[in-house]
Amino acid sequence: EEIFERGLIQTEALNYIRGRSIVKTYLIIDEAQNMTPNQVKGIITRAGKGTKIILLGDTNQIDRPMLDERTNGLSYASEYMKGSPLCWQVTFSPEECERSLLAMDAITRL
């Protein structure tokens, strides 16, 4: 709570990112699999000097009906930024899951 009060961490709605240049910031986008390609592009293209963007998500957990494993924003960014010297991609395997044994079993079965 204190870090929010001191302004060290801020949350923003997507609508408030438009038209801005975000500088010297670590921008963490969680649940990126539920964003459209245009939304992800809109965020990435706002990066100003010194900004790092981290997209987090799991394409097996998409819950928006108009998106799927290929058409979501996370997959879009992953595919089109692949090979860029400015980007890194990290993919975790089910064995690296930090959740319960039940969750790990469900990941492989469902």
PDB file of N, CA and C in Angstrom:
ATOM      1  N   GLU A   1       0.822  -1.194   0.000  1.00  0.00           N
ATOM      2  CA  GLU A   1       0.000   0.000   0.000  1.00  0.00           C
ATOM      3  C   GLU A   1       0.868   1.260   0.000  1.00  0.00           C
ATOM      4  N   GLU A   2       1.939   1.221   0.777  1.00  0.00           N
ATOM      5  CA  GLU A   2       2.827   2.378   0.858  1.00  0.00           C
ATOM      6  C   GLU A   2       3.472   2.700  -0.492  1.00  0.00           C
ATOM      7  N   ILE A   3       3.838   1.659  -1.235  1.00  0.00           N
ATOM      8  CA  ILE A   3       4.477   1.922  -2.531  1.00  0.00           C
ATOM      9  C   ILE A   3       3.506   2.545  -3.532  1.00  0.00           C
ATOM     10  N   PHE A   4       2.219   2.252  -3.369  1.00  0.00           N
ATOM     11  CA  PHE A   4       1.214   2.918  -4.202  1.00  0.00           C
ATOM     12  C   PHE A   4       1.074   4.376  -3.773  1.00  0.00           C
ATOM     13  N   GLU A   5       1.025   4.602  -2.462  1.00  0.00           N
ATOM     14  CA  GLU A   5       0.881   5.965  -1.939  1.00  0.00           C
ATOM     15  C   GLU A   5       2.064   6.850  -2.325  1.00  0.00           C
ATOM     16  N   ARG A   6       3.250   6.266  -2.351  1.00  0.00           N
ATOM     17  CA  ARG A   6       4.453   7.022  -2.716  1.00  0.00           C
ATOM     18  C   ARG A   6       4.604   7.181  -4.225  1.00  0.00           C
ATOM     19  N   GLY A   7       3.722   6.540  -4.987  1.00  0.00           N
ATOM     20  CA  GLY A   7       3.765   6.664  -6.440  1.00  0.00           C
ATOM     21  C   GLY A   7       4.813   5.802  -7.117  1.00  0.00           C
ATOM     22  N   LEU A   8       5.402   4.855  -6.365  1.00  0.00           N
ATOM     23  CA  LEU A   8       6.410   3.973  -6.953  1.00  0.00           C
ATOM     24  C   LEU A   8       5.776   2.956  -7.893  1.00  0.00           C
ATOM     25  N   ILE A   9       4.544   2.563  -7.596  1.00  0.00           N
ATOM     26  CA  ILE A   9       3.776   1.672  -8.466  1.00  0.00           C
ATOM     27  C   ILE A   9       2.454   2.354  -8.768  1.00  0.00           C
ATOM     28  N   GLN A  10       2.090   2.366 -10.020  1.00  0.00           N
ATOM     29  CA  GLN A  10       0.823   2.957 -10.441  1.00  0.00           C
ATOM     30  C   GLN A  10       0.082   1.964 -11.313  1.00  0.00           C
ATOM     31  N   THR A  11      -1.228   2.016 -11.257  1.00  0.00           N
ATOM     32  CA  THR A  11      -2.042   1.222 -12.172  1.00  0.00           C
ATOM     33  C   THR A  11      -2.756   2.184 -13.110  1.00  0.00           C
ATOM     34  N   GLU A  12      -2.895   1.771 -14.341  1.00  0.00           N
ATOM     35  CA  GLU A  12      -3.538   2.610 -15.350  1.00  0.00           C
ATOM     36  C   GLU A  12      -4.500   1.773 -16.176  1.00  0.00           C
ATOM     37  N   ALA A  13      -5.620   2.355 -16.533  1.00  0.00           N
ATOM     38  CA  ALA A  13      -6.529   1.722 -17.486  1.00  0.00           C
ATOM     39  C   ALA A  13      -5.976   1.965 -18.889  1.00  0.00           C
ATOM     40  N   LEU A  14      -6.263   1.041 -19.786  1.00  0.00           N
ATOM     41  CA  LEU A  14      -5.775   1.180 -21.166  1.00  0.00           C
ATOM     42  C   LEU A  14      -6.158   2.514 -21.788  1.00  0.00           C
ATOM     43  N   ASN A  15      -7.334   3.007 -21.470  1.00  0.00           N
ATOM     44  CA  ASN A  15      -7.810   4.263 -22.065  1.00  0.00           C
ATOM     45  C   ASN A  15      -6.899   5.441 -21.756  1.00  0.00           C
ATOM     46  N   TYR A  16      -6.172   5.393 -20.627  1.00  0.00           N
ATOM     47  CA  TYR A  16      -5.337   6.520 -20.225  1.00  0.00           C
ATOM     48  C   TYR A  16      -3.914   6.432 -20.760  1.00  0.00           C
ATOM     49  N   ILE A  17      -3.603   5.362 -21.468  1.00  0.00           N
ATOM     50  CA  ILE A  17      -2.265   5.210 -22.036  1.00  0.00           C
ATOM     51  C   ILE A  17      -2.188   5.858 -23.414  1.00  0.00           C
ATOM     52  N   ARG A  18      -3.301   5.955 -24.083  1.00  0.00           N
ATOM     53  CA  ARG A  18      -3.330   6.520 -25.441  1.00  0.00           C
ATOM     54  C   ARG A  18      -2.799   7.947 -25.467  1.00  0.00           C
ATOM     55  N   GLY A  19      -2.054   8.232 -26.523  1.00  0.00           N
ATOM     56  CA  GLY A  19      -1.589   9.598 -26.732  1.00  0.00           C
ATOM     57  C   GLY A  19      -0.426  10.016 -25.853  1.00  0.00           C
ATOM     58  N   ARG A  20       0.131   9.093 -25.094  1.00  0.00           N
ATOM     59  CA  ARG A  20       1.228   9.427 -24.192  1.00  0.00           C
ATOM     60  C   ARG A  20       2.520   8.780 -24.670  1.00  0.00           C
ATOM     61  N   SER A  21       3.611   9.339 -24.231  1.00  0.00           N
ATOM     62  CA  SER A  21       4.912   8.702 -24.385  1.00  0.00           C
ATOM     63  C   SER A  21       5.385   8.390 -22.972  1.00  0.00           C
ATOM     64  N   ILE A  22       5.564   7.123 -22.681  1.00  0.00           N
ATOM     65  CA  ILE A  22       5.904   6.693 -21.325  1.00  0.00           C
ATOM     66  C   ILE A  22       7.415   6.494 -21.262  1.00  0.00           C
ATOM     67  N   VAL A  23       8.091   7.305 -20.450  1.00  0.00           N
ATOM     68  CA  VAL A  23       9.555   7.282 -20.391  1.00  0.00           C
ATOM     69  C   VAL A  23      10.050   6.765 -19.043  1.00  0.00           C
ATOM     70  N   LYS A  24      11.239   6.160 -19.068  1.00  0.00           N
ATOM     71  CA  LYS A  24      11.937   5.693 -17.865  1.00  0.00           C
ATOM     72  C   LYS A  24      11.022   4.917 -16.926  1.00  0.00           C
ATOM     73  N   THR A  25      10.336   3.930 -17.470  1.00  0.00           N
ATOM     74  CA  THR A  25       9.327   3.189 -16.716  1.00  0.00           C
ATOM     75  C   THR A  25       9.436   1.703 -17.014  1.00  0.00           C
ATOM     76  N   TYR A  26       9.191   0.895 -15.992  1.00  0.00           N
ATOM     77  CA  TYR A  26       8.967  -0.533 -16.210  1.00  0.00           C
ATOM     78  C   TYR A  26       7.464  -0.700 -16.312  1.00  0.00           C
ATOM     79  N   LEU A  27       6.982  -1.051 -17.472  1.00  0.00           N
ATOM     80  CA  LEU A  27       5.552  -1.182 -17.730  1.00  0.00           C
ATOM     81  C   LEU A  27       5.216  -2.668 -17.774  1.00  0.00           C
ATOM     82  N   ILE A  28       4.492  -3.147 -16.769  1.00  0.00           N
ATOM     83  CA  ILE A  28       4.155  -4.565 -16.668  1.00  0.00           C
ATOM     84  C   ILE A  28       2.694  -4.741 -17.056  1.00  0.00           C
ATOM     85  N   ILE A  29       2.464  -5.502 -18.112  1.00  0.00           N
ATOM     86  CA  ILE A  29       1.120  -5.767 -18.611  1.00  0.00           C
ATOM     87  C   ILE A  29       0.786  -7.218 -18.291  1.00  0.00           C
ATOM     88  N   ASP A  30      -0.113  -7.421 -17.346  1.00  0.00           N
ATOM     89  CA  ASP A  30      -0.514  -8.777 -16.968  1.00  0.00           C
ATOM     90  C   ASP A  30      -1.765  -9.172 -17.745  1.00  0.00           C
ATOM     91  N   GLU A  31      -1.953 -10.455 -17.925  1.00  0.00           N
ATOM     92  CA  GLU A  31      -3.101 -11.014 -18.648  1.00  0.00           C
ATOM     93  C   GLU A  31      -3.146 -10.528 -20.098  1.00  0.00           C
ATOM     94  N   ALA A  32      -1.979 -10.396 -20.719  1.00  0.00           N
ATOM     95  CA  ALA A  32      -1.900  -9.898 -22.100  1.00  0.00           C
ATOM     96  C   ALA A  32      -2.590 -10.823 -23.096  1.00  0.00           C
ATOM     97  N   GLN A  33      -2.835 -12.061 -22.707  1.00  0.00           N
ATOM     98  CA  GLN A  33      -3.540 -12.991 -23.601  1.00  0.00           C
ATOM     99  C   GLN A  33      -4.995 -12.567 -23.797  1.00  0.00           C
ATOM    100  N   ASN A  34      -5.506 -11.705 -22.935  1.00  0.00           N
ATOM    101  CA  ASN A  34      -6.886 -11.230 -23.055  1.00  0.00           C
ATOM    102  C   ASN A  34      -6.975  -9.866 -23.742  1.00  0.00           C
ATOM    103  N   MET A  35      -5.878  -9.434 -24.331  1.00  0.00           N
ATOM    104  CA  MET A  35      -5.868  -8.176 -25.068  1.00  0.00           C
ATOM    105  C   MET A  35      -5.867  -8.474 -26.565  1.00  0.00           C
ATOM    106  N   THR A  36      -6.376  -7.541 -27.334  1.00  0.00           N
ATOM    107  CA  THR A  36      -6.339  -7.685 -28.789  1.00  0.00           C
ATOM    108  C   THR A  36      -4.958  -7.263 -29.298  1.00  0.00           C
ATOM    109  N   PRO A  37      -4.615  -7.670 -30.507  1.00  0.00           N
ATOM    110  CA  PRO A  37      -3.354  -7.196 -31.089  1.00  0.00           C
ATOM    111  C   PRO A  37      -3.264  -5.666 -31.124  1.00  0.00           C
ATOM    112  N   ASN A  38      -4.357  -4.982 -31.438  1.00  0.00           N
ATOM    113  CA  ASN A  38      -4.329  -3.517 -31.476  1.00  0.00           C
ATOM    114  C   ASN A  38      -4.069  -2.912 -30.107  1.00  0.00           C
ATOM    115  N   GLN A  39      -4.613  -3.507 -29.058  1.00  0.00           N
ATOM    116  CA  GLN A  39      -4.365  -3.001 -27.711  1.00  0.00           C
ATOM    117  C   GLN A  39      -2.894  -3.155 -27.336  1.00  0.00           C
ATOM    118  N   VAL A  40      -2.319  -4.317 -27.629  1.00  0.00           N
ATOM    119  CA  VAL A  40      -0.905  -4.544 -27.315  1.00  0.00           C
ATOM    120  C   VAL A  40      -0.024  -3.607 -28.138  1.00  0.00           C
ATOM    121  N   LYS A  41      -0.338  -3.459 -29.411  1.00  0.00           N
ATOM    122  CA  LYS A  41       0.427  -2.538 -30.259  1.00  0.00           C
ATOM    123  C   LYS A  41       0.334  -1.115 -29.715  1.00  0.00           C
ATOM    124  N   GLY A  42      -0.859  -0.739 -29.279  1.00  0.00           N
ATOM    125  CA  GLY A  42      -1.051   0.594 -28.717  1.00  0.00           C
ATOM    126  C   GLY A  42      -0.207   0.846 -27.483  1.00  0.00           C
ATOM    127  N   ILE A  43       0.027  -0.187 -26.693  1.00  0.00           N
ATOM    128  CA  ILE A  43       0.866  -0.048 -25.501  1.00  0.00           C
ATOM    129  C   ILE A  43       2.343  -0.010 -25.883  1.00  0.00           C
ATOM    130  N   ILE A  44       2.766  -0.963 -26.695  1.00  0.00           N
ATOM    131  CA  ILE A  44       4.187  -1.049 -27.046  1.00  0.00           C
ATOM    132  C   ILE A  44       4.659   0.219 -27.756  1.00  0.00           C
ATOM    133  N   THR A  45       3.824   0.782 -28.593  1.00  0.00           N
ATOM    134  CA  THR A  45       4.228   1.977 -29.341  1.00  0.00           C
ATOM    135  C   THR A  45       4.204   3.244 -28.492  1.00  0.00           C
ATOM    136  N   ARG A  46       3.831   3.151 -27.237  1.00  0.00           N
ATOM    137  CA  ARG A  46       3.883   4.295 -26.316  1.00  0.00           C
ATOM    138  C   ARG A  46       5.205   4.345 -25.565  1.00  0.00           C
ATOM    139  N   ALA A  47       6.050   3.335 -25.738  1.00  0.00           N
ATOM    140  CA  ALA A  47       7.314   3.266 -25.000  1.00  0.00           C
ATOM    141  C   ALA A  47       8.245   4.394 -25.422  1.00  0.00           C
ATOM    142  N   GLY A  48       8.612   5.201 -24.456  1.00  0.00           N
ATOM    143  CA  GLY A  48       9.585   6.260 -24.693  1.00  0.00           C
ATOM    144  C   GLY A  48      10.973   5.809 -24.256  1.00  0.00           C
ATOM    145  N   LYS A  49      11.894   6.722 -24.269  1.00  0.00           N
ATOM    146  CA  LYS A  49      13.288   6.421 -23.933  1.00  0.00           C
ATOM    147  C   LYS A  49      13.387   5.852 -22.516  1.00  0.00           C
ATOM    148  N   GLY A  50      14.121   4.746 -22.395  1.00  0.00           N
ATOM    149  CA  GLY A  50      14.366   4.147 -21.085  1.00  0.00           C
ATOM    150  C   GLY A  50      13.251   3.270 -20.561  1.00  0.00           C
ATOM    151  N   THR A  51      12.196   3.061 -21.325  1.00  0.00           N
ATOM    152  CA  THR A  51      11.070   2.239 -20.873  1.00  0.00           C
ATOM    153  C   THR A  51      11.271   0.785 -21.264  1.00  0.00           C
ATOM    154  N   LYS A  52      10.939  -0.093 -20.344  1.00  0.00           N
ATOM    155  CA  LYS A  52      10.951  -1.538 -20.582  1.00  0.00           C
ATOM    156  C   LYS A  52       9.516  -2.024 -20.430  1.00  0.00           C
ATOM    157  N   ILE A  53       9.072  -2.865 -21.356  1.00  0.00           N
ATOM    158  CA  ILE A  53       7.712  -3.406 -21.303  1.00  0.00           C
ATOM    159  C   ILE A  53       7.787  -4.907 -21.087  1.00  0.00           C
ATOM    160  N   ILE A  54       7.021  -5.380 -20.130  1.00  0.00           N
ATOM    161  CA  ILE A  54       6.953  -6.806 -19.825  1.00  0.00           C
ATOM    162  C   ILE A  54       5.515  -7.254 -20.033  1.00  0.00           C
ATOM    163  N   LEU A  55       5.312  -8.159 -20.979  1.00  0.00           N
ATOM    164  CA  LEU A  55       3.986  -8.725 -21.236  1.00  0.00           C
ATOM    165  C   LEU A  55       3.915 -10.091 -20.567  1.00  0.00           C
ATOM    166  N   LEU A  56       2.911 -10.292 -19.742  1.00  0.00           N
ATOM    167  CA  LEU A  56       2.710 -11.561 -19.046  1.00  0.00           C
ATOM    168  C   LEU A  56       1.401 -12.169 -19.494  1.00  0.00           C
ATOM    169  N   GLY A  57       1.348 -13.482 -19.572  1.00  0.00           N
ATOM    170  CA  GLY A  57       0.087 -14.119 -19.914  1.00  0.00           C
ATOM    171  C   GLY A  57       0.256 -15.592 -20.200  1.00  0.00           C
ATOM    172  N   ASP A  58      -0.873 -16.239 -20.361  1.00  0.00           N
ATOM    173  CA  ASP A  58      -0.920 -17.671 -20.661  1.00  0.00           C
ATOM    174  C   ASP A  58      -2.012 -17.867 -21.701  1.00  0.00           C
ATOM    175  N   THR A  59      -1.628 -18.264 -22.904  1.00  0.00           N
ATOM    176  CA  THR A  59      -2.615 -18.406 -23.981  1.00  0.00           C
ATOM    177  C   THR A  59      -3.591 -19.552 -23.736  1.00  0.00           C
ATOM    178  N   ASN A  60      -3.349 -20.359 -22.729  1.00  0.00           N
ATOM    179  CA  ASN A  60      -4.314 -21.392 -22.343  1.00  0.00           C
ATOM    180  C   ASN A  60      -5.384 -20.849 -21.400  1.00  0.00           C
ATOM    181  N   GLN A  61      -5.279 -19.578 -21.025  1.00  0.00           N
ATOM    182  CA  GLN A  61      -6.232 -18.985 -20.090  1.00  0.00           C
ATOM    183  C   GLN A  61      -6.991 -17.806 -20.697  1.00  0.00           C
ATOM    184  N   ILE A  62      -7.198 -17.825 -21.986  1.00  0.00           N
ATOM    185  CA  ILE A  62      -7.952 -16.759 -22.654  1.00  0.00           C
ATOM    186  C   ILE A  62      -9.422 -16.892 -22.286  1.00  0.00           C
ATOM    187  N   ASP A  63     -10.026 -15.792 -21.850  1.00  0.00           N
ATOM    188  CA  ASP A  63     -11.446 -15.849 -21.501  1.00  0.00           C
ATOM    189  C   ASP A  63     -12.281 -14.801 -22.239  1.00  0.00           C
ATOM    190  N   ARG A  64     -11.767 -14.295 -23.338  1.00  0.00           N
ATOM    191  CA  ARG A  64     -12.538 -13.389 -24.198  1.00  0.00           C
ATOM    192  C   ARG A  64     -12.952 -14.170 -25.432  1.00  0.00           C
ATOM    193  N   PRO A  65     -14.252 -14.248 -25.712  1.00  0.00           N
ATOM    194  CA  PRO A  65     -14.760 -15.096 -26.794  1.00  0.00           C
ATOM    195  C   PRO A  65     -14.198 -14.788 -28.178  1.00  0.00           C
ATOM    196  N   MET A  66     -13.822 -13.544 -28.447  1.00  0.00           N
ATOM    197  CA  MET A  66     -13.354 -13.212 -29.793  1.00  0.00           C
ATOM    198  C   MET A  66     -11.854 -13.452 -29.985  1.00  0.00           C
ATOM    199  N   LEU A  67     -11.178 -13.943 -28.945  1.00  0.00           N
ATOM    200  CA  LEU A  67      -9.750 -14.220 -29.045  1.00  0.00           C
ATOM    201  C   LEU A  67      -9.484 -15.710 -28.913  1.00  0.00           C
ATOM    202  N   ASP A  68      -8.387 -16.151 -29.521  1.00  0.00           N
ATOM    203  CA  ASP A  68      -7.972 -17.540 -29.339  1.00  0.00           C
ATOM    204  C   ASP A  68      -6.446 -17.569 -29.222  1.00  0.00           C
ATOM    205  N   GLU A  69      -5.867 -18.768 -29.232  1.00  0.00           N
ATOM    206  CA  GLU A  69      -4.423 -18.904 -29.023  1.00  0.00           C
ATOM    207  C   GLU A  69      -3.588 -18.203 -30.087  1.00  0.00           C
ATOM    208  N   ARG A  70      -4.152 -17.932 -31.248  1.00  0.00           N
ATOM    209  CA  ARG A  70      -3.407 -17.270 -32.324  1.00  0.00           C
ATOM    210  C   ARG A  70      -3.731 -15.796 -32.467  1.00  0.00           C
ATOM    211  N   THR A  71      -4.937 -15.386 -32.102  1.00  0.00           N
ATOM    212  CA  THR A  71      -5.386 -14.023 -32.406  1.00  0.00           C
ATOM    213  C   THR A  71      -5.289 -13.055 -31.232  1.00  0.00           C
ATOM    214  N   ASN A  72      -4.735 -13.463 -30.125  1.00  0.00           N
ATOM    215  CA  ASN A  72      -4.656 -12.585 -28.951  1.00  0.00           C
ATOM    216  C   ASN A  72      -3.414 -11.694 -29.014  1.00  0.00           C
ATOM    217  N   GLY A  73      -3.396 -10.671 -28.199  1.00  0.00           N
ATOM    218  CA  GLY A  73      -2.303  -9.704 -28.211  1.00  0.00           C
ATOM    219  C   GLY A  73      -0.959 -10.259 -27.790  1.00  0.00           C
ATOM    220  N   LEU A  74      -0.946 -11.194 -26.849  1.00  0.00           N
ATOM    221  CA  LEU A  74       0.315 -11.784 -26.400  1.00  0.00           C
ATOM    222  C   LEU A  74       0.971 -12.576 -27.527  1.00  0.00           C
ATOM    223  N   SER A  75       0.194 -13.408 -28.201  1.00  0.00           N
ATOM    224  CA  SER A  75       0.727 -14.184 -29.328  1.00  0.00           C
ATOM    225  C   SER A  75       1.162 -13.271 -30.467  1.00  0.00           C
ATOM    226  N   TYR A  76       0.391 -12.221 -30.709  1.00  0.00           N
ATOM    227  CA  TYR A  76       0.710 -11.248 -31.757  1.00  0.00           C
ATOM    228  C   TYR A  76       2.083 -10.617 -31.504  1.00  0.00           C
ATOM    229  N   ALA A  77       2.277 -10.110 -30.287  1.00  0.00           N
ATOM    230  CA  ALA A  77       3.558  -9.474 -29.963  1.00  0.00           C
ATOM    231  C   ALA A  77       4.694 -10.489 -30.015  1.00  0.00           C
ATOM    232  N   SER A  78       4.441 -11.676 -29.499  1.00  0.00           N
ATOM    233  CA  SER A  78       5.460 -12.722 -29.496  1.00  0.00           C
ATOM    234  C   SER A  78       5.899 -13.063 -30.914  1.00  0.00           C
ATOM    235  N   GLU A  79       4.953 -13.206 -31.799  1.00  0.00           N
ATOM    236  CA  GLU A  79       5.263 -13.589 -33.181  1.00  0.00           C
ATOM    237  C   GLU A  79       5.961 -12.468 -33.950  1.00  0.00           C
ATOM    238  N   TYR A  80       5.420 -11.264 -33.876  1.00  0.00           N
ATOM    239  CA  TYR A  80       5.953 -10.184 -34.698  1.00  0.00           C
ATOM    240  C   TYR A  80       7.224  -9.553 -34.141  1.00  0.00           C
ATOM    241  N   MET A  81       7.467  -9.688 -32.835  1.00  0.00           N
ATOM    242  CA  MET A  81       8.691  -9.136 -32.259  1.00  0.00           C
ATOM    243  C   MET A  81       9.805 -10.178 -32.185  1.00  0.00           C
ATOM    244  N   LYS A  82       9.489 -11.416 -32.564  1.00  0.00           N
ATOM    245  CA  LYS A  82      10.492 -12.487 -32.561  1.00  0.00           C
ATOM    246  C   LYS A  82      11.672 -12.085 -33.444  1.00  0.00           C
ATOM    247  N   GLY A  83      12.864 -12.250 -32.918  1.00  0.00           N
ATOM    248  CA  GLY A  83      14.060 -11.910 -33.675  1.00  0.00           C
ATOM    249  C   GLY A  83      14.522 -10.474 -33.497  1.00  0.00           C
ATOM    250  N   SER A  84      13.716  -9.643 -32.854  1.00  0.00           N
ATOM    251  CA  SER A  84      14.129  -8.263 -32.620  1.00  0.00           C
ATOM    252  C   SER A  84      15.267  -8.247 -31.598  1.00  0.00           C
ATOM    253  N   PRO A  85      16.321  -7.492 -31.869  1.00  0.00           N
ATOM    254  CA  PRO A  85      17.410  -7.403 -30.895  1.00  0.00           C
ATOM    255  C   PRO A  85      17.007  -6.633 -29.639  1.00  0.00           C
ATOM    256  N   LEU A  86      15.826  -6.038 -29.655  1.00  0.00           N
ATOM    257  CA  LEU A  86      15.354  -5.256 -28.512  1.00  0.00           C
ATOM    258  C   LEU A  86      14.406  -6.038 -27.612  1.00  0.00           C
ATOM    259  N   CYS A  87      14.109  -7.280 -27.981  1.00  0.00           N
ATOM    260  CA  CYS A  87      13.111  -8.064 -27.241  1.00  0.00           C
ATOM    261  C   CYS A  87      13.652  -9.425 -26.831  1.00  0.00           C
ATOM    262  N   TRP A  88      13.173  -9.888 -25.689  1.00  0.00           N
ATOM    263  CA  TRP A  88      13.446 -11.247 -25.222  1.00  0.00           C
ATOM    264  C   TRP A  88      12.127 -11.909 -24.934  1.00  0.00           C
ATOM    265  N   GLN A  89      12.080 -13.196 -25.157  1.00  0.00           N
ATOM    266  CA  GLN A  89      10.878 -13.965 -24.842  1.00  0.00           C
ATOM    267  C   GLN A  89      11.261 -15.122 -23.936  1.00  0.00           C
ATOM    268  N   VAL A  90      10.445 -15.336 -22.912  1.00  0.00           N
ATOM    269  CA  VAL A  90      10.653 -16.440 -21.982  1.00  0.00           C
ATOM    270  C   VAL A  90       9.360 -17.232 -21.919  1.00  0.00           C
ATOM    271  N   THR A  91       9.456 -18.533 -22.118  1.00  0.00           N
ATOM    272  CA  THR A  91       8.290 -19.408 -22.028  1.00  0.00           C
ATOM    273  C   THR A  91       8.572 -20.456 -20.964  1.00  0.00           C
ATOM    274  N   PHE A  92       7.632 -20.622 -20.049  1.00  0.00           N
ATOM    275  CA  PHE A  92       7.773 -21.612 -18.987  1.00  0.00           C
ATOM    276  C   PHE A  92       7.032 -22.884 -19.362  1.00  0.00           C
ATOM    277  N   SER A  93       7.584 -24.001 -18.982  1.00  0.00           N
ATOM    278  CA  SER A  93       6.944 -25.296 -19.236  1.00  0.00           C
ATOM    279  C   SER A  93       6.024 -25.647 -18.068  1.00  0.00           C
ATOM    280  N   PRO A  94       5.096 -26.589 -18.253  1.00  0.00           N
ATOM    281  CA  PRO A  94       4.220 -27.001 -17.142  1.00  0.00           C
ATOM    282  C   PRO A  94       5.008 -27.479 -15.922  1.00  0.00           C
ATOM    283  N   GLU A  95       6.185 -28.053 -16.128  1.00  0.00           N
ATOM    284  CA  GLU A  95       6.996 -28.530 -15.011  1.00  0.00           C
ATOM    285  C   GLU A  95       7.507 -27.387 -14.138  1.00  0.00           C
ATOM    286  N   GLU A  96       7.530 -26.185 -14.684  1.00  0.00           N
ATOM    287  CA  GLU A  96       8.011 -25.029 -13.934  1.00  0.00           C
ATOM    288  C   GLU A  96       6.890 -24.310 -13.187  1.00  0.00           C
ATOM    289  N   CYS A  97       5.705 -24.884 -13.207  1.00  0.00           N
ATOM    290  CA  CYS A  97       4.551 -24.303 -12.521  1.00  0.00           C
ATOM    291  C   CYS A  97       4.817 -24.249 -11.017  1.00  0.00           C
ATOM    292  N   GLU A  98       4.506 -23.133 -10.401  1.00  0.00           N
ATOM    293  CA  GLU A  98       4.700 -22.952  -8.964  1.00  0.00           C
ATOM    294  C   GLU A  98       3.400 -23.139  -8.187  1.00  0.00           C
ATOM    295  N   ARG A  99       2.407 -23.687  -8.830  1.00  0.00           N
ATOM    296  CA  ARG A  99       1.126 -23.902  -8.160  1.00  0.00           C
ATOM    297  C   ARG A  99       1.066 -25.310  -7.598  1.00  0.00           C
ATOM    298  N   SER A 100      -0.092 -25.708  -7.160  1.00  0.00           N
ATOM    299  CA  SER A 100      -0.262 -27.013  -6.519  1.00  0.00           C
ATOM    300  C   SER A 100      -0.108 -28.160  -7.513  1.00  0.00           C
ATOM    301  N   LEU A 101       0.021 -29.376  -6.977  1.00  0.00           N
ATOM    302  CA  LEU A 101       0.070 -30.562  -7.831  1.00  0.00           C
ATOM    303  C   LEU A 101      -1.206 -30.683  -8.652  1.00  0.00           C
ATOM    304  N   LEU A 102      -2.342 -30.321  -8.054  1.00  0.00           N
ATOM    305  CA  LEU A 102      -3.613 -30.351  -8.779  1.00  0.00           C
ATOM    306  C   LEU A 102      -3.561 -29.403  -9.976  1.00  0.00           C
ATOM    307  N   ALA A 103      -3.071 -28.190  -9.767  1.00  0.00           N
ATOM    308  CA  ALA A 103      -2.973 -27.216 -10.861  1.00  0.00           C
ATOM    309  C   ALA A 103      -2.046 -27.725 -11.961  1.00  0.00           C
ATOM    310  N   MET A 104      -0.929 -28.302 -11.584  1.00  0.00           N
ATOM    311  CA  MET A 104       0.009 -28.839 -12.570  1.00  0.00           C
ATOM    312  C   MET A 104      -0.625 -29.975 -13.362  1.00  0.00           C
ATOM    313  N   ASP A 105      -1.366 -30.846 -12.681  1.00  0.00           N
ATOM    314  CA  ASP A 105      -2.039 -31.952 -13.355  1.00  0.00           C
ATOM    315  C   ASP A 105      -3.092 -31.416 -14.330  1.00  0.00           C
ATOM    316  N   ALA A 106      -3.829 -30.405 -13.902  1.00  0.00           N
ATOM    317  CA  ALA A 106      -4.863 -29.816 -14.758  1.00  0.00           C
ATOM    318  C   ALA A 106      -4.261 -29.163 -15.998  1.00  0.00           C
ATOM    319  N   ILE A 107      -3.105 -28.532 -15.848  1.00  0.00           N
ATOM    320  CA  ILE A 107      -2.447 -27.893 -16.992  1.00  0.00           C
ATOM    321  C   ILE A 107      -2.168 -28.912 -18.087  1.00  0.00           C
ATOM    322  N   THR A 108      -1.736 -30.087 -17.703  1.00  0.00           N
ATOM    323  CA  THR A 108      -1.394 -31.093 -18.707  1.00  0.00           C
ATOM    324  C   THR A 108      -2.608 -31.861 -19.217  1.00  0.00           C
ATOM    325  N   ARG A 109      -3.670 -31.952 -18.421  1.00  0.00           N
ATOM    326  CA  ARG A 109      -4.831 -32.755 -18.812  1.00  0.00           C
ATOM    327  C   ARG A 109      -5.937 -31.965 -19.506  1.00  0.00           C
ATOM    328  N   LEU A 110      -6.120 -30.721 -19.136  1.00  0.00           N
ATOM    329  CA  LEU A 110      -7.281 -29.963 -19.643  1.00  0.00           C
ATOM    330  C   LEU A 110      -6.944 -29.140 -20.869  1.00  0.00           C
TER     331      LEU A 110
END
